[in-house]
PDB file of all heavy atoms in Angstrom:
ATOM      1  N   GLN A   1     115.185  97.085 187.765  1.00  0.00           N
ATOM      2  CA  GLN A   1     115.807  95.788 187.600  1.00  0.00           C
ATOM      3  C   GLN A   1     114.786  94.747 187.149  1.00  0.00           C
ATOM      4  O   GLN A   1     115.000  94.023 186.182  1.00  0.00           O
ATOM      5  CB  GLN A   1     116.453  95.339 188.914  1.00  0.00           C
ATOM      6  CG  GLN A   1     117.085  93.957 188.823  1.00  0.00           C
ATOM      7  CD  GLN A   1     117.662  93.495 190.148  1.00  0.00           C
ATOM      8  OE1 GLN A   1     117.551  94.192 191.148  1.00  0.00           O
ATOM      9  NE2 GLN A   1     118.283  92.333 190.167  1.00  0.00           N
ATOM     10  N   GLY A   2     113.652  94.649 187.864  1.00  0.00           N
ATOM     11  CA  GLY A   2     112.672  93.626 187.524  1.00  0.00           C
ATOM     12  C   GLY A   2     112.032  93.840 186.167  1.00  0.00           C
ATOM     13  O   GLY A   2     111.782  92.899 185.431  1.00  0.00           O
ATOM     14  N   TYR A   3     111.764  95.106 185.806  1.00  0.00           N
ATOM     15  CA  TYR A   3     111.110  95.380 184.533  1.00  0.00           C
ATOM     16  C   TYR A   3     112.024  95.015 183.365  1.00  0.00           C
ATOM     17  O   TYR A   3     111.580  94.478 182.355  1.00  0.00           O
ATOM     18  CB  TYR A   3     110.709  96.848 184.484  1.00  0.00           C
ATOM     19  CG  TYR A   3     109.865  97.222 183.292  1.00  0.00           C
ATOM     20  CD1 TYR A   3     108.736  96.481 182.969  1.00  0.00           C
ATOM     21  CD2 TYR A   3     110.170  98.317 182.503  1.00  0.00           C
ATOM     22  CE1 TYR A   3     107.943  96.827 181.892  1.00  0.00           C
ATOM     23  CE2 TYR A   3     109.391  98.675 181.423  1.00  0.00           C
ATOM     24  CZ  TYR A   3     108.276  97.921 181.122  1.00  0.00           C
ATOM     25  OH  TYR A   3     107.502  98.259 180.055  1.00  0.00           O
ATOM     26  N   LYS A   4     113.322  95.288 183.503  1.00  0.00           N
ATOM     27  CA  LYS A   4     114.250  94.906 182.448  1.00  0.00           C
ATOM     28  C   LYS A   4     114.306  93.394 182.293  1.00  0.00           C
ATOM     29  O   LYS A   4     114.429  92.881 181.178  1.00  0.00           O
ATOM     30  CB  LYS A   4     115.646  95.457 182.762  1.00  0.00           C
ATOM     31  CG  LYS A   4     115.802  96.938 182.490  1.00  0.00           C
ATOM     32  CD  LYS A   4     117.229  97.391 182.737  1.00  0.00           C
ATOM     33  CE  LYS A   4     117.390  98.869 182.361  1.00  0.00           C
ATOM     34  NZ  LYS A   4     118.783  99.344 182.622  1.00  0.00           N
ATOM     35  N   GLN A   5     114.218  92.663 183.389  1.00  0.00           N
ATOM     36  CA  GLN A   5     114.226  91.209 183.305  1.00  0.00           C
ATOM     37  C   GLN A   5     113.025  90.698 182.518  1.00  0.00           C
ATOM     38  O   GLN A   5     113.144  89.793 181.688  1.00  0.00           O
ATOM     39  CB  GLN A   5     114.237  90.605 184.706  1.00  0.00           C
ATOM     40  CG  GLN A   5     115.557  90.780 185.435  1.00  0.00           C
ATOM     41  CD  GLN A   5     115.490  90.275 186.853  1.00  0.00           C
ATOM     42  OE1 GLN A   5     114.414  90.146 187.436  1.00  0.00           O
ATOM     43  NE2 GLN A   5     116.648  89.988 187.426  1.00  0.00           N
ATOM     44  N   VAL A   6     111.858  91.288 182.768  1.00  0.00           N
ATOM     45  CA  VAL A   6     110.661  90.860 182.040  1.00  0.00           C
ATOM     46  C   VAL A   6     110.802  91.163 180.555  1.00  0.00           C
ATOM     47  O   VAL A   6     110.527  90.319 179.690  1.00  0.00           O
ATOM     48  CB  VAL A   6     109.405  91.543 182.616  1.00  0.00           C
ATOM     49  CG1 VAL A   6     108.198  91.273 181.737  1.00  0.00           C
ATOM     50  CG2 VAL A   6     109.137  91.042 184.018  1.00  0.00           C
ATOM     51  N   LYS A   7     111.239  92.372 180.227  1.00  0.00           N
ATOM     52  CA  LYS A   7     111.362  92.752 178.823  1.00  0.00           C
ATOM     53  C   LYS A   7     112.393  91.889 178.098  1.00  0.00           C
ATOM     54  O   LYS A   7     112.168  91.448 176.968  1.00  0.00           O
ATOM     55  CB  LYS A   7     111.732  94.226 178.708  1.00  0.00           C
ATOM     56  CG  LYS A   7     110.654  95.170 179.192  1.00  0.00           C
ATOM     57  CD  LYS A   7     110.919  96.591 178.751  1.00  0.00           C
ATOM     58  CE  LYS A   7     112.166  97.140 179.371  1.00  0.00           C
ATOM     59  NZ  LYS A   7     112.375  98.572 179.013  1.00  0.00           N
ATOM     60  N   ASP A   8     113.533  91.635 178.741  1.00  0.00           N
ATOM     61  CA  ASP A   8     114.569  90.835 178.095  1.00  0.00           C
ATOM     62  C   ASP A   8     114.136  89.385 177.944  1.00  0.00           C
ATOM     63  O   ASP A   8     114.383  88.756 176.920  1.00  0.00           O
ATOM     64  CB  ASP A   8     115.867  90.912 178.897  1.00  0.00           C
ATOM     65  CG  ASP A   8     116.485  92.299 178.873  1.00  0.00           C
ATOM     66  OD1 ASP A   8     116.075  93.107 178.004  1.00  0.00           O
ATOM     67  OD2 ASP A   8     117.346  92.576 179.727  1.00  0.00           O
ATOM     68  N   GLU A   9     113.489  88.839 178.963  1.00  0.00           N
ATOM     69  CA  GLU A   9     113.072  87.448 178.927  1.00  0.00           C
ATOM     70  C   GLU A   9     112.016  87.209 177.854  1.00  0.00           C
ATOM     71  O   GLU A   9     111.958  86.138 177.251  1.00  0.00           O
ATOM     72  CB  GLU A   9     112.526  87.037 180.302  1.00  0.00           C
ATOM     73  CG  GLU A   9     112.397  85.545 180.499  1.00  0.00           C
ATOM     74  CD  GLU A   9     113.737  84.870 180.739  1.00  0.00           C
ATOM     75  OE1 GLU A   9     114.706  85.589 181.046  1.00  0.00           O
ATOM     76  OE2 GLU A   9     113.804  83.643 180.615  1.00  0.00           O
ATOM     77  N   LEU A  10     111.189  88.189 177.593  1.00  0.00           N
ATOM     78  CA  LEU A  10     110.117  88.034 176.610  1.00  0.00           C
ATOM     79  C   LEU A  10     110.480  88.634 175.250  1.00  0.00           C
ATOM     80  O   LEU A  10     109.622  88.825 174.404  1.00  0.00           O
ATOM     81  CB  LEU A  10     108.832  88.690 177.131  1.00  0.00           C
ATOM     82  CG  LEU A  10     108.221  88.002 178.358  1.00  0.00           C
ATOM     83  CD1 LEU A  10     107.066  88.806 178.887  1.00  0.00           C
ATOM     84  CD2 LEU A  10     107.770  86.597 178.011  1.00  0.00           C
ATOM     85  N   GLY A  11     111.756  88.939 175.057  1.00  0.00           N
ATOM     86  CA  GLY A  11     112.178  89.405 173.736  1.00  0.00           C
ATOM     87  C   GLY A  11     111.768  90.824 173.412  1.00  0.00           C
ATOM     88  O   GLY A  11     111.644  91.182 172.241  1.00  0.00           O
ATOM     89  N   TRP A  12     111.557  91.669 174.446  1.00  0.00           N
ATOM     90  CA  TRP A  12     111.121  93.035 174.173  1.00  0.00           C
ATOM     91  C   TRP A  12     112.167  93.788 173.358  1.00  0.00           C
ATOM     92  O   TRP A  12     111.841  94.538 172.440  1.00  0.00           O
ATOM     93  CB  TRP A  12     110.841  93.753 175.480  1.00  0.00           C
ATOM     94  CG  TRP A  12     110.520  95.209 175.342  1.00  0.00           C
ATOM     95  CD1 TRP A  12     111.312  96.248 175.666  1.00  0.00           C
ATOM     96  CD2 TRP A  12     109.321  95.782 174.819  1.00  0.00           C
ATOM     97  NE1 TRP A  12     110.678  97.441 175.400  1.00  0.00           N
ATOM     98  CE2 TRP A  12     109.461  97.182 174.877  1.00  0.00           C
ATOM     99  CE3 TRP A  12     108.142  95.238 174.311  1.00  0.00           C
ATOM    100  CZ2 TRP A  12     108.473  98.048 174.440  1.00  0.00           C
ATOM    101  CZ3 TRP A  12     107.148  96.113 173.887  1.00  0.00           C
ATOM    102  CH2 TRP A  12     107.312  97.490 173.943  1.00  0.00           C
ATOM    103  N   ALA A  13     113.444  93.578 173.667  1.00  0.00           N
ATOM    104  CA  ALA A  13     114.494  94.304 172.955  1.00  0.00           C
ATOM    105  C   ALA A  13     114.493  93.961 171.469  1.00  0.00           C
ATOM    106  O   ALA A  13     114.788  94.799 170.617  1.00  0.00           O
ATOM    107  CB  ALA A  13     115.860  93.994 173.571  1.00  0.00           C
ATOM    108  N   ASP A  14     114.149  92.709 171.131  1.00  0.00           N
ATOM    109  CA  ASP A  14     114.122  92.306 169.725  1.00  0.00           C
ATOM    110  C   ASP A  14     113.045  93.046 168.947  1.00  0.00           C
ATOM    111  O   ASP A  14     113.149  93.190 167.732  1.00  0.00           O
ATOM    112  CB  ASP A  14     113.883  90.794 169.617  1.00  0.00           C
ATOM    113  CG  ASP A  14     114.989  89.996 170.271  1.00  0.00           C
ATOM    114  OD1 ASP A  14     116.099  90.549 170.398  1.00  0.00           O
ATOM    115  OD2 ASP A  14     114.752  88.842 170.661  1.00  0.00           O
ATOM    116  N   PHE A  15     112.017  93.492 169.635  1.00  0.00           N
ATOM    117  CA  PHE A  15     110.906  94.137 168.937  1.00  0.00           C
ATOM    118  C   PHE A  15     111.138  95.628 168.729  1.00  0.00           C
ATOM    119  O   PHE A  15     110.316  96.296 168.112  1.00  0.00           O
ATOM    120  CB  PHE A  15     109.598  93.906 169.707  1.00  0.00           C
ATOM    121  CG  PHE A  15     108.894  92.654 169.303  1.00  0.00           C
ATOM    122  CD1 PHE A  15     109.375  91.421 169.699  1.00  0.00           C
ATOM    123  CD2 PHE A  15     107.784  92.693 168.484  1.00  0.00           C
ATOM    124  CE1 PHE A  15     108.737  90.257 169.321  1.00  0.00           C
ATOM    125  CE2 PHE A  15     107.138  91.532 168.101  1.00  0.00           C
ATOM    126  CZ  PHE A  15     107.615  90.306 168.512  1.00  0.00           C
ATOM    127  N   GLN A  16     112.233  96.149 169.220  1.00  0.00           N
ATOM    128  CA  GLN A  16     112.495  97.569 169.033  1.00  0.00           C
ATOM    129  C   GLN A  16     112.759  97.915 167.576  1.00  0.00           C
ATOM    130  O   GLN A  16     112.683  99.077 167.187  1.00  0.00           O
ATOM    131  CB  GLN A  16     113.675  98.007 169.893  1.00  0.00           C
ATOM    132  CG  GLN A  16     113.427  97.819 171.385  1.00  0.00           C
ATOM    133  CD  GLN A  16     112.191  98.571 171.862  1.00  0.00           C
ATOM    134  OE1 GLN A  16     112.111  99.777 171.754  1.00  0.00           O
ATOM    135  NE2 GLN A  16     111.209  97.841 172.381  1.00  0.00           N
ATOM    136  N   VAL A  17     113.100  96.909 166.762  1.00  0.00           N
ATOM    137  CA  VAL A  17     113.365  97.161 165.346  1.00  0.00           C
ATOM    138  C   VAL A  17     112.161  96.822 164.486  1.00  0.00           C
ATOM    139  O   VAL A  17     112.250  96.883 163.253  1.00  0.00           O
ATOM    140  CB  VAL A  17     114.596  96.360 164.873  1.00  0.00           C
ATOM    141  CG1 VAL A  17     115.831  96.816 165.618  1.00  0.00           C
ATOM    142  CG2 VAL A  17     114.387  94.861 165.078  1.00  0.00           C
ATOM    143  N   ARG A  18     111.048  96.454 165.083  1.00  0.00           N
ATOM    144  CA  ARG A  18     109.846  96.100 164.339  1.00  0.00           C
ATOM    145  C   ARG A  18     108.969  97.332 164.114  1.00  0.00           C
ATOM    146  O   ARG A  18     109.285  98.434 164.534  1.00  0.00           O
ATOM    147  CB  ARG A  18     109.064  95.017 165.089  1.00  0.00           C
ATOM    148  CG  ARG A  18     109.879  93.757 165.393  1.00  0.00           C
ATOM    149  CD  ARG A  18     110.263  92.994 164.150  1.00  0.00           C
ATOM    150  NE  ARG A  18     111.006  91.786 164.466  1.00  0.00           N
ATOM    151  CZ  ARG A  18     110.455  90.604 164.703  1.00  0.00           C
ATOM    152  NH1 ARG A  18     109.131  90.492 164.698  1.00  0.00           N
ATOM    153  NH2 ARG A  18     111.194  89.560 164.970  1.00  0.00           N
ATOM    154  N   SER A  19     107.846  97.107 163.477  1.00  0.00           N
ATOM    155  CA  SER A  19     106.912  98.200 163.210  1.00  0.00           C
ATOM    156  C   SER A  19     106.230  98.646 164.491  1.00  0.00           C
ATOM    157  O   SER A  19     106.240  97.949 165.517  1.00  0.00           O
ATOM    158  CB  SER A  19     105.854  97.731 162.211  1.00  0.00           C
ATOM    159  OG  SER A  19     105.033  96.722 162.788  1.00  0.00           O
ATOM    160  N   ASP A  20     105.604  99.831 164.429  1.00  0.00           N
ATOM    161  CA  ASP A  20     104.875 100.332 165.595  1.00  0.00           C
ATOM    162  C   ASP A  20     103.803  99.342 166.035  1.00  0.00           C
ATOM    163  O   ASP A  20     103.600  99.103 167.226  1.00  0.00           O
ATOM    164  CB  ASP A  20     104.239 101.690 165.278  1.00  0.00           C
ATOM    165  CG  ASP A  20     105.256 102.812 165.299  1.00  0.00           C
ATOM    166  OD1 ASP A  20     106.461 102.506 165.404  1.00  0.00           O
ATOM    167  OD2 ASP A  20     104.858 103.985 165.200  1.00  0.00           O
ATOM    168  N   LEU A  21     103.102  98.765 165.060  1.00  0.00           N
ATOM    169  CA  LEU A  21     102.023  97.837 165.388  1.00  0.00           C
ATOM    170  C   LEU A  21     102.566  96.601 166.092  1.00  0.00           C
ATOM    171  O   LEU A  21     101.988  96.129 167.078  1.00  0.00           O
ATOM    172  CB  LEU A  21     101.271  97.425 164.117  1.00  0.00           C
ATOM    173  CG  LEU A  21     100.102  96.456 164.309  1.00  0.00           C
ATOM    174  CD1 LEU A  21      99.060  97.054 165.244  1.00  0.00           C
ATOM    175  CD2 LEU A  21      99.474  96.097 162.963  1.00  0.00           C
ATOM    176  N   ALA A  22     103.705  96.086 165.624  1.00  0.00           N
ATOM    177  CA  ALA A  22     104.292  94.899 166.255  1.00  0.00           C
ATOM    178  C   ALA A  22     104.726  95.212 167.681  1.00  0.00           C
ATOM    179  O   ALA A  22     104.564  94.390 168.587  1.00  0.00           O
ATOM    180  CB  ALA A  22     105.479  94.397 165.432  1.00  0.00           C
ATOM    181  N   ILE A  23     105.280  96.398 167.880  1.00  0.00           N
ATOM    182  CA  ILE A  23     105.710  96.783 169.223  1.00  0.00           C
ATOM    183  C   ILE A  23     104.510  96.895 170.153  1.00  0.00           C
ATOM    184  O   ILE A  23     104.539  96.442 171.302  1.00  0.00           O
ATOM    185  CB  ILE A  23     106.492  98.108 169.163  1.00  0.00           C
ATOM    186  CG1 ILE A  23     107.822  97.903 168.433  1.00  0.00           C
ATOM    187  CG2 ILE A  23     106.740  98.649 170.562  1.00  0.00           C
ATOM    188  CD1 ILE A  23     108.610  99.172 168.235  1.00  0.00           C
ATOM    189  N   ARG A  24     103.436  97.507 169.666  1.00  0.00           N
ATOM    190  CA  ARG A  24     102.245  97.654 170.504  1.00  0.00           C
ATOM    191  C   ARG A  24     101.645  96.296 170.853  1.00  0.00           C
ATOM    192  O   ARG A  24     101.183  96.058 171.974  1.00  0.00           O
ATOM    193  CB  ARG A  24     101.208  98.523 169.794  1.00  0.00           C
ATOM    194  CG  ARG A  24     101.652  99.975 169.616  1.00  0.00           C
ATOM    195  CD  ARG A  24     100.633 100.759 168.806  1.00  0.00           C
ATOM    196  NE  ARG A  24     101.126 102.064 168.413  1.00  0.00           N
ATOM    197  CZ  ARG A  24     100.990 103.166 169.139  1.00  0.00           C
ATOM    198  NH1 ARG A  24     100.358 103.103 170.305  1.00  0.00           N
ATOM    199  NH2 ARG A  24     101.457 104.325 168.719  1.00  0.00           N
ATOM    200  N   ARG A  25     101.642  95.378 169.893  1.00  0.00           N
ATOM    201  CA  ARG A  25     101.116  94.044 170.165  1.00  0.00           C
ATOM    202  C   ARG A  25     101.978  93.320 171.186  1.00  0.00           C
ATOM    203  O   ARG A  25     101.471  92.641 172.087  1.00  0.00           O
ATOM    204  CB  ARG A  25     101.045  93.240 168.863  1.00  0.00           C
ATOM    205  CG  ARG A  25      99.922  93.667 167.931  1.00  0.00           C
ATOM    206  CD  ARG A  25      99.995  92.898 166.623  1.00  0.00           C
ATOM    207  NE  ARG A  25      98.836  93.161 165.781  1.00  0.00           N
ATOM    208  CZ  ARG A  25      98.715  92.733 164.525  1.00  0.00           C
ATOM    209  NH1 ARG A  25      99.702  92.038 163.969  1.00  0.00           N
ATOM    210  NH2 ARG A  25      97.629  93.005 163.820  1.00  0.00           N
ATOM    211  N   HIS A  26     103.291  93.455 171.041  1.00  0.00           N
ATOM    212  CA  HIS A  26     104.174  92.759 171.974  1.00  0.00           C
ATOM    213  C   HIS A  26     104.062  93.344 173.374  1.00  0.00           C
ATOM    214  O   HIS A  26     104.219  92.620 174.365  1.00  0.00           O
ATOM    215  CB  HIS A  26     105.615  92.849 171.482  1.00  0.00           C
ATOM    216  CG  HIS A  26     106.526  91.857 172.155  1.00  0.00           C
ATOM    217  ND1 HIS A  26     106.420  90.500 171.948  1.00  0.00           N
ATOM    218  CD2 HIS A  26     107.543  92.030 173.038  1.00  0.00           C
ATOM    219  CE1 HIS A  26     107.334  89.870 172.659  1.00  0.00           C
ATOM    220  NE2 HIS A  26     108.027  90.768 173.336  1.00  0.00           N
ATOM    221  N   GLN A  27     103.786  94.632 173.485  1.00  0.00           N
ATOM    222  CA  GLN A  27     103.610  95.233 174.804  1.00  0.00           C
ATOM    223  C   GLN A  27     102.415  94.624 175.520  1.00  0.00           C
ATOM    224  O   GLN A  27     102.416  94.503 176.749  1.00  0.00           O
ATOM    225  CB  GLN A  27     103.444  96.746 174.683  1.00  0.00           C
ATOM    226  CG  GLN A  27     103.164  97.448 175.996  1.00  0.00           C
ATOM    227  CD  GLN A  27     104.302  97.328 176.995  1.00  0.00           C
ATOM    228  OE1 GLN A  27     105.412  96.980 176.606  1.00  0.00           O
ATOM    229  NE2 GLN A  27     104.030  97.606 178.259  1.00  0.00           N
ATOM    230  N   VAL A  28     101.380  94.237 174.770  1.00  0.00           N
ATOM    231  CA  VAL A  28     100.242  93.550 175.386  1.00  0.00           C
ATOM    232  C   VAL A  28     100.717  92.243 176.026  1.00  0.00           C
ATOM    233  O   VAL A  28     100.303  91.889 177.140  1.00  0.00           O
ATOM    234  CB  VAL A  28      99.146  93.280 174.342  1.00  0.00           C
ATOM    235  CG1 VAL A  28      98.026  92.445 174.944  1.00  0.00           C
ATOM    236  CG2 VAL A  28      98.594  94.596 173.810  1.00  0.00           C
ATOM    237  N   LEU A  29     101.613  91.528 175.334  1.00  0.00           N
ATOM    238  CA  LEU A  29     102.163  90.300 175.893  1.00  0.00           C
ATOM    239  C   LEU A  29     102.947  90.589 177.171  1.00  0.00           C
ATOM    240  O   LEU A  29     102.816  89.876 178.175  1.00  0.00           O
ATOM    241  CB  LEU A  29     103.077  89.630 174.857  1.00  0.00           C
ATOM    242  CG  LEU A  29     103.930  88.462 175.355  1.00  0.00           C
ATOM    243  CD1 LEU A  29     103.043  87.319 175.809  1.00  0.00           C
ATOM    244  CD2 LEU A  29     104.886  87.997 174.264  1.00  0.00           C
ATOM    245  N   VAL A  30     103.759  91.635 177.156  1.00  0.00           N
ATOM    246  CA  VAL A  30     104.533  91.993 178.345  1.00  0.00           C
ATOM    247  C   VAL A  30     103.598  92.315 179.507  1.00  0.00           C
ATOM    248  O   VAL A  30     103.824  91.903 180.647  1.00  0.00           O
ATOM    249  CB  VAL A  30     105.462  93.186 178.039  1.00  0.00           C
ATOM    250  CG1 VAL A  30     106.136  93.684 179.307  1.00  0.00           C
ATOM    251  CG2 VAL A  30     106.517  92.796 177.013  1.00  0.00           C
TER     252      VAL A  30
END
């Protein structure tokens, strides 16, 4: 529950359609 809240609040789902590099960079933010 808590992990999904963090990912959704920080736009993690939006980055699923980005490049591998963008996803890896955004994971650093998460």
